[in-house]
Protein backbone atom coordinates (compact mmCIF):
# COMPACT_ATOMS: atom_id res chain seq x y z
CA MET A 1 0.00 0.00 0.00
CA GLN A 2 1.43 3.35 -1.03
CA HIS A 3 0.78 6.49 0.96
CA GLU A 4 -0.72 9.38 -0.99
CA ILE A 5 -0.21 12.87 0.45
CA THR A 6 -3.46 14.81 0.10
CA GLN A 7 -3.12 17.74 2.51
CA ALA A 8 -0.91 20.82 2.25
CA GLY A 9 1.70 21.45 4.94
CA ARG A 10 5.37 21.88 5.72
CA LEU A 11 7.79 19.44 4.10
CA LEU A 12 10.17 19.19 7.09
CA ASP A 13 9.61 19.03 10.83
CA GLU A 14 11.53 21.06 13.45
CA LYS A 15 14.39 18.53 13.37
CA GLY A 16 14.80 18.79 9.58
CA ALA A 17 13.30 15.37 8.87
CA LEU A 18 10.54 14.66 6.36
CA ARG A 19 7.19 15.18 8.05
CA GLU A 20 5.21 12.92 5.70
CA PRO A 21 6.97 10.54 3.30
CA GLY A 22 4.85 9.52 0.33
CA TRP A 23 3.66 10.61 -3.11
CA ALA A 24 1.26 13.28 -4.32
CA ARG A 25 -0.35 14.48 -7.54
CA ARG A 26 0.84 18.05 -7.06
CA LEU A 27 3.32 20.03 -4.98
CA LEU A 28 1.33 20.12 -1.71
CA LEU A 29 4.19 20.16 0.80
CA GLU A 30 6.11 23.40 1.21
CA TYR A 31 9.85 23.28 0.65
CA ARG A 32 11.74 25.88 2.72
CA ARG A 33 15.51 25.90 2.49
CA GLU A 34 15.74 27.51 5.93
CA ASP A 35 14.09 24.43 7.50
CA ILE A 36 16.97 22.16 6.47
CA LYS A 37 19.21 20.91 9.30
CA ALA A 38 22.27 20.02 7.25
CA SER A 39 25.39 21.68 5.90
CA LYS A 40 24.90 23.98 2.92
CA LEU A 41 27.50 21.83 1.17
CA ARG A 42 25.07 18.88 1.23
CA ILE A 43 21.96 20.66 -0.13
CA LYS A 44 21.17 19.90 -3.76
CA GLU A 45 18.66 21.83 -5.86
CA TRP A 46 18.05 21.53 -9.59
CA ASP A 47 15.68 22.22 -12.46
CA TYR A 48 16.05 19.84 -15.41
CA TYR A 49 14.04 20.12 -18.61
CA LEU A 50 13.96 17.58 -21.43
CA ILE A 51 12.29 18.57 -24.70
CA TYR A 52 12.04 16.20 -27.63
CA ASN A 53 10.18 14.68 -30.55
CA ASP A 54 10.87 11.47 -32.47
CA ASP A 55 13.90 12.97 -34.24
CA TYR A 56 15.88 15.06 -31.76
CA ALA A 57 16.07 16.27 -28.16
CA LEU A 58 17.29 19.14 -26.00
CA ALA A 59 18.09 18.83 -22.29
CA LEU A 60 18.79 21.84 -20.04
CA THR A 61 19.88 21.88 -16.37
CA ILE A 62 20.50 24.50 -13.72
CA ASP A 63 21.99 22.85 -10.66
CA ASP A 64 23.14 24.04 -7.21
CA ASN A 65 24.99 21.16 -5.54
CA GLY A 66 26.26 23.15 -2.59
CA TYR A 67 29.97 22.77 -3.29
CA MET A 68 29.47 23.31 -7.05
CA SER A 69 27.03 24.85 -9.48
CA LEU A 70 26.41 23.43 -12.92
CA LEU A 71 24.85 24.51 -16.17
CA SER A 72 24.26 21.76 -18.70
CA ALA A 73 22.94 21.58 -22.24
CA SER A 74 22.55 18.41 -24.30
CA LEU A 75 21.61 18.19 -27.98
CA LEU A 76 20.76 14.79 -29.44
CA ASP A 77 19.92 13.86 -33.01
CA PHE A 78 18.41 10.38 -33.00
CA LYS A 79 18.51 9.95 -36.78
CA GLU A 80 22.13 10.98 -37.25
CA GLY A 81 23.38 9.43 -34.01
CA PHE A 82 24.78 12.75 -32.81
CA GLU A 83 24.91 13.80 -29.17
CA GLN A 84 26.81 16.48 -27.31
CA THR A 85 26.62 17.53 -23.68
CA THR A 86 28.44 20.60 -22.37
CA SER A 87 28.39 21.36 -18.64
CA PRO A 88 30.30 24.36 -17.27
CA ILE A 89 30.92 24.20 -13.51
CA GLY A 90 31.11 26.92 -10.84
CA ALA A 91 32.38 26.73 -7.26
CA PHE A 92 30.55 26.81 -3.92
CA PRO A 93 27.20 28.44 -4.76
CA MET A 94 25.64 27.13 -1.49
CA GLY A 95 22.21 28.60 -2.25
CA LYS A 96 23.35 31.77 -4.00
CA LEU A 97 21.50 30.74 -7.16
CA ASN A 98 18.25 31.38 -5.24
CA LEU A 99 16.38 28.69 -7.12
CA PRO A 100 12.61 28.93 -6.52
CA SER A 101 11.08 26.98 -3.62
CA SER A 102 8.22 25.89 -5.90
CA SER A 103 8.01 24.79 -9.53
CA ALA A 104 4.78 26.74 -10.08
CA GLU A 105 6.19 30.27 -10.36
CA GLY A 106 9.54 31.99 -10.51
CA ILE A 107 12.83 32.34 -12.32
CA SER A 108 15.79 29.96 -12.30
CA GLU A 109 18.80 31.67 -13.83
CA HIS A 110 22.57 31.20 -13.78
CA LYS A 111 25.60 32.22 -15.79
CA ILE A 112 29.06 30.65 -15.89
CA GLY A 113 31.54 32.27 -18.25
CA LYS A 114 29.91 32.55 -21.66
CA ALA A 115 27.15 30.08 -20.81
CA GLN A 116 23.76 31.28 -19.58
CA LEU A 117 20.48 29.51 -18.84
CA ARG A 118 17.19 31.05 -17.76
CA PHE A 119 13.90 29.32 -16.93
CA GLU A 120 10.88 31.54 -16.28
CA THR A 121 7.54 30.16 -15.10
CA LYS A 122 4.45 32.35 -14.96
CA ASN A 123 0.72 31.70 -15.35
CA GLY A 124 1.28 28.11 -16.43
CA VAL A 125 3.76 28.99 -19.19
CA ARG A 126 7.42 27.98 -19.02
CA LYS A 127 9.95 29.91 -21.10
CA LEU A 128 13.38 28.33 -21.44
CA PHE A 129 16.46 30.13 -22.76
CA CYS A 130 19.97 28.81 -23.31
CA SER A 131 23.08 30.43 -24.77
CA MET A 132 26.45 28.62 -24.83
CA GLU A 133 29.12 30.31 -26.91
CA ASN A 134 31.43 27.28 -26.88
CA PHE A 135 29.07 24.33 -27.01
CA LYS A 136 31.23 22.16 -29.27
CA ASP A 137 34.35 22.92 -31.33
CA LYS A 138 34.02 26.62 -30.41
CA LYS A 139 30.61 26.72 -32.05
CA PRO A 140 27.68 28.27 -30.15
CA LEU A 141 24.33 26.78 -29.22
CA HIS A 142 21.26 28.96 -28.75
CA ALA A 143 17.83 27.73 -27.72
CA GLU A 144 14.47 29.24 -26.88
CA VAL A 145 11.56 26.94 -26.03
CA THR A 146 8.10 27.56 -24.57
CA LEU A 147 6.20 24.84 -22.70
CA THR A 148 2.41 25.02 -22.28
CA GLY A 149 -0.48 22.71 -21.50
CA GLU A 150 0.75 21.54 -18.11
CA PRO A 151 -1.38 18.51 -17.13
CA GLU A 152 -3.59 18.52 -14.04
CA ASP A 153 -1.56 15.78 -12.32
CA SER A 154 2.18 15.30 -11.89
CA MET A 155 4.42 12.94 -9.94
CA VAL A 156 5.54 14.32 -6.58
CA ILE A 157 7.43 12.22 -4.04
CA ALA A 158 8.98 12.90 -0.64
CA THR A 159 11.67 10.29 -0.03
CA PRO A 160 13.67 9.90 3.22
CA PHE A 161 17.01 8.14 3.64
CA ALA A 162 17.04 5.54 6.43
CA GLU A 163 20.73 6.05 7.23
CA LYS A 164 20.41 9.81 7.85
CA LYS A 165 17.28 11.45 9.29
CA THR A 166 18.05 14.93 7.93
CA ALA A 167 18.59 13.61 4.38
CA PHE A 168 15.64 13.67 1.99
CA TYR A 169 14.66 14.10 -1.65
CA TYR A 170 11.63 16.17 -2.65
CA ASN A 171 10.92 15.71 -6.34
CA GLN A 172 8.31 16.64 -8.93
CA LYS A 173 8.12 15.28 -12.47
CA ILE A 174 5.77 17.12 -14.83
CA ILE A 175 5.26 14.99 -17.94
CA GLY A 176 3.64 15.78 -21.28
CA MET A 177 3.76 19.55 -21.74
CA ARG A 178 3.52 20.82 -25.32
CA ALA A 179 6.76 22.29 -26.65
CA GLU A 180 7.35 25.04 -29.18
CA GLY A 181 10.66 26.64 -30.07
CA LYS A 182 14.00 26.37 -31.80
CA VAL A 183 17.55 25.21 -31.14
CA SER A 184 20.32 26.56 -33.36
CA PHE A 185 23.71 24.87 -33.67
CA ASP A 186 26.35 24.53 -36.41
CA GLY A 187 24.22 26.12 -39.13
CA ARG A 188 21.14 24.03 -38.42
CA ASP A 189 17.84 24.81 -36.72
CA TYR A 190 16.06 22.13 -34.71
CA ILE A 191 12.37 23.07 -34.60
CA PHE A 192 9.91 21.97 -31.92
CA THR A 193 6.19 22.27 -32.73
CA PRO A 194 3.33 21.55 -30.28
CA ASP A 195 1.75 18.89 -32.49
CA ASN A 196 4.65 16.46 -32.09
CA SER A 197 7.05 17.86 -29.46
CA PHE A 198 6.78 17.50 -25.71
CA GLY A 199 8.65 18.67 -22.63
CA LEU A 200 9.09 17.36 -19.10
CA LEU A 201 10.41 18.91 -15.91
CA ASP A 202 12.45 17.16 -13.24
CA TRP A 203 12.35 19.53 -10.24
CA GLY A 204 14.48 18.34 -7.33
CA ARG A 205 15.30 19.73 -3.89
CA GLY A 206 16.93 17.91 -1.01
CA VAL A 207 19.85 16.66 1.05
CA TRP A 208 21.44 13.54 -0.39
CA THR A 209 23.66 10.88 1.09
CA TYR A 210 27.16 10.64 -0.36
CA LYS A 211 26.92 7.45 -2.43
CA ASN A 212 23.90 6.19 -4.34
CA THR A 213 22.55 4.75 -7.59
CA TRP A 214 19.30 5.71 -9.25
CA TYR A 215 17.25 4.32 -12.11
CA TRP A 216 14.93 6.74 -13.89
CA GLY A 217 12.88 6.62 -17.05
CA ALA A 218 10.14 8.63 -18.72
CA ALA A 219 8.28 8.92 -22.00
CA GLN A 220 5.70 11.27 -23.45
CA GLY A 221 3.71 11.51 -26.65
CA LEU A 222 0.32 10.69 -28.13
CA VAL A 223 -1.60 7.44 -27.62
CA ASN A 224 -5.00 7.16 -29.29
CA GLY A 225 -4.70 10.86 -30.08
CA GLU A 226 -4.42 11.80 -26.40
CA VAL A 227 -1.40 13.01 -24.42
CA PHE A 228 0.19 10.05 -22.65
CA GLY A 229 3.31 9.63 -20.58
CA PHE A 230 4.88 7.88 -17.64
CA ASN A 231 7.55 8.28 -14.98
CA ILE A 232 9.38 5.26 -13.58
CA GLY A 233 12.26 4.93 -11.16
CA TYR A 234 13.85 3.40 -8.07
CA GLY A 235 17.19 2.66 -6.46
CA PHE A 236 17.86 5.19 -3.68
CA GLY A 237 16.38 6.21 -0.36
CA ASP A 238 13.66 4.58 1.72
CA THR A 239 10.76 4.10 -0.70
CA SER A 240 8.62 2.01 1.65
CA ALA A 241 5.98 4.78 1.74
CA ALA A 242 5.70 5.10 -2.04
CA SER A 243 7.37 4.58 -5.38
CA GLU A 244 7.65 7.19 -8.14
CA ASN A 245 6.11 4.89 -10.77
CA ILE A 246 3.11 6.48 -12.43
CA ILE A 247 1.21 6.61 -15.74
CA PHE A 248 -0.36 9.78 -17.16
CA TYR A 249 -3.28 9.80 -19.61
CA LYS A 250 -5.42 12.79 -20.54
CA GLY A 251 -3.71 14.76 -17.75
CA LYS A 252 -4.63 12.32 -14.97
CA ALA A 253 -2.30 10.17 -12.88
CA HIS A 254 -2.63 6.38 -12.56
CA LYS A 255 -0.35 5.09 -9.80
CA ILE A 256 1.51 1.81 -10.16
CA ASP A 257 3.60 -0.06 -7.61
CA ARG A 258 7.18 -1.38 -8.04
CA LEU A 259 9.10 -2.29 -11.18
CA THR A 260 12.49 -3.28 -12.49
CA PHE A 261 14.30 -2.12 -15.60
CA GLY A 262 15.65 -5.48 -16.73
CA ILE A 263 18.87 -4.11 -18.21
CA PRO A 264 20.51 -6.87 -20.29
CA GLN A 265 23.87 -8.25 -19.20
CA LYS A 266 26.90 -9.10 -21.34
CA ASN A 267 30.09 -10.53 -19.89
CA GLY A 268 28.90 -9.56 -16.42
CA LYS A 269 28.27 -5.91 -17.32
CA ASP A 270 25.24 -3.83 -18.23
CA ASP A 271 24.56 -4.02 -21.98
CA PHE A 272 22.69 -0.73 -22.35
CA LEU A 273 22.10 -0.88 -26.12
CA SER A 274 20.42 -4.29 -26.22
CA PRO A 275 16.60 -4.50 -25.73
CA TRP A 276 15.34 -4.10 -22.15
CA LYS A 277 12.23 -5.54 -20.52
CA ILE A 278 10.56 -3.26 -17.96
CA ARG A 279 7.89 -4.93 -15.84
CA SER A 280 5.91 -3.93 -12.73
CA ASN A 281 5.02 -6.29 -9.90
CA ASP A 282 1.31 -5.42 -10.19
CA GLY A 283 1.15 -6.43 -13.87
CA ARG A 284 0.04 -2.98 -14.99
CA PHE A 285 3.24 -1.92 -16.73
CA SER A 286 4.74 -4.25 -19.31
CA LEU A 287 6.93 -2.49 -21.86
CA ASP A 288 9.87 -3.48 -24.00
CA PHE A 289 12.49 -0.79 -24.55
CA LEU A 290 14.49 -0.70 -27.78
CA PRO A 291 17.53 1.59 -27.31
CA ILE A 292 18.77 3.86 -30.07
CA MET A 293 21.37 6.01 -28.26
CA ASP A 294 23.33 5.94 -24.99
CA ARG A 295 24.22 9.39 -23.70
CA ALA A 296 27.04 8.17 -21.50
CA SER A 297 29.52 10.08 -19.35
CA ASP A 298 31.80 9.22 -16.44
CA THR A 299 33.20 12.11 -14.43
CA ASN A 300 35.68 10.82 -11.87
CA ALA A 301 37.45 13.32 -9.60
CA LEU A 302 38.53 11.17 -6.65
CA LEU A 303 35.94 12.05 -3.98
CA ILE A 304 33.35 13.07 -6.58
CA ARG A 305 32.12 10.76 -9.31
CA SER A 306 29.12 10.61 -11.64
CA ASP A 307 28.79 7.61 -13.98
CA GLN A 308 25.74 8.19 -16.18
CA HIS A 309 23.99 6.19 -18.87
CA GLN A 310 20.88 7.97 -20.18
CA VAL A 311 19.60 5.66 -22.90
CA PHE A 312 17.09 6.96 -25.43
CA GLY A 313 14.85 4.66 -27.40
CA ARG A 314 11.30 3.45 -28.13
CA PHE A 315 8.86 1.80 -25.75
CA SER A 316 6.29 -0.77 -26.89
CA GLY A 317 3.85 -2.97 -24.97
CA GLU A 318 0.84 -2.32 -22.77
CA VAL A 319 -0.11 -0.45 -19.61
CA ILE A 320 -3.28 -0.68 -17.52
CA LEU A 321 -5.02 2.39 -16.07
CA ASP A 322 -6.73 2.59 -12.67
CA ASP A 323 -10.11 1.61 -14.14
CA GLY A 324 -8.69 -1.46 -15.90
CA THR A 325 -8.42 0.12 -19.35
CA LYS A 326 -5.55 -1.34 -21.36
CA LEU A 327 -3.53 0.96 -23.57
CA GLU A 328 -1.36 -0.42 -26.35
CA ILE A 329 1.94 1.44 -26.66
CA LYS A 330 3.87 1.36 -29.93
CA ASP A 331 7.28 2.95 -30.50
CA LEU A 332 6.83 5.71 -27.93
CA THR A 333 10.00 7.78 -27.66
CA GLY A 334 11.55 8.18 -24.23
CA PHE A 335 14.55 7.24 -22.13
CA ALA A 336 15.71 5.07 -19.27
CA GLU A 337 18.86 5.72 -17.28
CA LYS A 338 21.18 4.32 -14.66
CA VAL A 339 23.29 6.84 -12.72
CA PHE A 340 25.88 6.13 -10.02
CA ASN A 341 26.94 9.12 -7.91
CA LYS A 342 29.51 9.85 -5.24
CA TRP A 343 28.64 13.48 -4.46
């Protein structure tokens, strides 16, 4: 049985621990940085947007990790097999980015050298701007994207860590917003139009433990002419109160229980580019994942390491909604990732 949070209130108690672990359909619990009872070096706050269609994708991140800030832009061309991620790093922001305490309104903005990102949210419209003068081979990337049509429900989860009472992760995933805009790089324009392009937000605030692994996946698009998407994940924290696995259809959430990614193995190692089988224990999520690209990186700086495999591909199979309705999924574009962090 998973606990659904249905009443508004404070996220943390007077000792800095999560007051009510569980999941919600919207951002009901109030995040206040001043309530945290941990070092500023351990607080992590980020806004991550992923915008894509069946042909190409743009990912943008503004991140305050306490001891470091990060701006990141990724451009992926699924047809040509091209991908580039550029991530300038700053030192010891410790909250100076002043990232909003809610995803509903506000401005997230940061500049490092000749790289600048700005996310503005107002009246249900999200305007994203990116300028990187040296994105790849001294060539600039510029992007402006607008996201609209935010669905009624999202995935919100408050996750504690059993080994440290003042550690927590408060996260919202908004899936299936319509995207419109343009990315310009190397003499080419990548155009997003609302009829076939979608955007998601991964909004995260919390205090993490030093070493952990997470699995995360999402997809969005049209099924039977209606906006459909899902968020799936596991691997870190105490998720006994709730998982983050959820299906979205026509703007409404349909909660599912636990699942596994079924990453293939080859010679004792993860074989990320072979077909995966993703199955839930309640039988309501049964999708095969056919990879087309692995956006892989491994940053290893002694005490800090991030080994990432964000695999993009197509999902096919079936899911079952709360009322028993079966939806057939065919070649829905999305991603599934495995990330190991020491941070």
